[in-house]
């Protein structure tokens, strides 16, 4: 039996995990982004890998380049999703508060 890391699907999962690692680091730098070299250092990945992973994130709409600086940041799409999550949580909290009020009276 071959080791899991030699299976083609394992390589895909490893690659996906690295793309998500890059995105996770970018999420901490939404406003100003990171230069590719900074991103490589923060993730421990080779610059050539950063280029591929960032290209994937850009193609899928999860990352974007800041035109003036060339730095990479999470896309505005992710910001909009975060706002949507906050609104959903606020609505859920309001329903919980209403339920608590109704049950405590």
Protein backbone atom coordinates (compact mmCIF):
# COMPACT_ATOMS: atom_id res chain seq x y z
CA UNK A 1 0.00 0.00 0.00
CA UNK A 2 1.37 3.43 -0.95
CA UNK A 3 1.77 6.23 1.57
CA UNK A 4 -1.04 8.78 1.55
CA UNK A 5 1.28 11.55 0.36
CA UNK A 6 1.97 9.73 -2.93
CA UNK A 7 -1.70 9.50 -3.95
CA UNK A 8 -2.76 12.09 -6.54
CA UNK A 9 -5.69 13.21 -4.38
CA UNK A 10 -3.31 13.72 -1.45
CA UNK A 11 -1.20 16.08 -3.57
CA UNK A 12 -4.32 18.02 -4.49
CA UNK A 13 -5.26 18.28 -0.83
CA UNK A 14 -1.76 19.43 0.08
CA UNK A 15 -1.88 22.05 -2.66
CA UNK A 16 -5.32 23.20 -1.55
CA UNK A 17 -4.08 23.40 2.03
CA UNK A 18 -1.19 25.62 0.96
CA UNK A 19 -3.52 27.92 -1.00
CA UNK A 20 -5.67 28.21 2.13
CA UNK A 21 -2.55 28.89 4.23
CA UNK A 22 -1.75 31.80 1.88
CA UNK A 23 -5.32 33.09 2.14
CA UNK A 24 -5.25 32.77 5.92
CA UNK A 25 -2.13 34.94 6.11
CA UNK A 26 -3.63 37.47 3.69
CA UNK A 27 -6.76 37.76 5.85
CA UNK A 28 -4.61 39.35 8.54
CA UNK A 29 -3.52 42.07 6.11
CA UNK A 30 -6.75 43.22 4.48
CA UNK A 31 -6.04 46.95 4.38
CA UNK A 32 -2.46 47.09 3.10
CA UNK A 33 -1.81 43.58 1.81
CA UNK A 34 1.58 41.92 1.62
CA UNK A 35 4.36 41.96 -0.93
CA UNK A 36 4.99 38.55 -2.48
CA UNK A 37 8.27 38.21 -0.56
CA UNK A 38 6.54 39.02 2.72
CA UNK A 39 3.89 36.44 1.93
CA UNK A 40 6.56 33.82 1.18
CA UNK A 41 8.30 34.57 4.47
CA UNK A 42 5.04 34.51 6.46
CA UNK A 43 3.98 31.16 5.00
CA UNK A 44 7.37 29.52 4.67
CA UNK A 45 6.61 28.78 1.01
CA UNK A 46 8.92 29.35 -1.93
CA UNK A 47 8.32 32.53 -3.97
CA UNK A 48 7.48 30.47 -7.07
CA UNK A 49 4.79 28.65 -5.07
CA UNK A 50 3.44 31.97 -3.80
CA UNK A 51 3.10 33.13 -7.40
CA UNK A 52 1.02 30.04 -8.29
CA UNK A 53 -1.12 30.12 -5.16
CA UNK A 54 -1.82 33.84 -5.43
CA UNK A 55 -2.74 33.40 -9.10
CA UNK A 56 -5.23 30.74 -8.06
CA UNK A 57 -6.72 33.00 -5.38
CA UNK A 58 -6.93 35.91 -7.82
CA UNK A 59 -8.54 33.77 -10.53
CA UNK A 60 -11.17 32.51 -8.09
CA UNK A 61 -11.86 36.01 -6.72
CA UNK A 62 -10.39 35.56 -3.23
CA UNK A 63 -7.35 37.84 -3.60
CA UNK A 64 -6.44 40.97 -5.53
CA UNK A 65 -3.42 43.14 -6.21
CA UNK A 66 -3.32 46.70 -4.98
CA UNK A 67 -2.62 48.56 -8.23
CA UNK A 68 -0.53 51.31 -6.64
CA UNK A 69 1.79 49.01 -4.67
CA UNK A 70 1.59 45.56 -6.24
CA UNK A 71 0.86 44.14 -2.81
CA UNK A 72 -1.62 41.30 -2.46
CA UNK A 73 -4.67 41.40 -0.21
CA UNK A 74 -7.90 39.52 0.26
CA UNK A 75 -10.48 40.65 -2.27
CA UNK A 76 -13.31 43.00 -1.45
CA UNK A 77 -15.56 40.01 -2.08
CA UNK A 78 -14.29 38.51 1.18
CA UNK A 79 -14.94 41.78 2.97
CA UNK A 80 -18.50 41.76 1.71
CA UNK A 81 -18.90 38.17 2.89
CA UNK A 82 -17.57 39.13 6.33
CA UNK A 83 -20.11 41.96 6.55
CA UNK A 84 -22.84 39.52 5.55
CA UNK A 85 -21.77 37.13 8.30
CA UNK A 86 -21.83 39.93 10.87
CA UNK A 87 -25.32 40.96 9.78
CA UNK A 88 -26.49 37.37 10.03
CA UNK A 89 -25.02 37.08 13.53
CA UNK A 90 -26.68 40.35 14.56
CA UNK A 91 -30.03 39.08 13.31
CA UNK A 92 -29.57 35.79 15.15
CA UNK A 93 -28.63 37.68 18.32
CA UNK A 94 -31.77 39.82 18.01
CA UNK A 95 -33.91 36.66 17.72
CA UNK A 96 -32.21 35.16 20.79
CA UNK A 97 -32.78 38.39 22.74
CA UNK A 98 -36.47 38.43 21.70
CA UNK A 99 -36.86 34.82 22.77
CA UNK A 100 -35.20 35.46 26.13
CA UNK A 101 -37.44 38.48 26.73
CA UNK A 102 -40.57 36.54 25.81
CA UNK A 103 -39.65 33.55 28.00
CA UNK A 104 -38.62 35.60 31.02
CA UNK A 105 -41.88 37.53 31.30
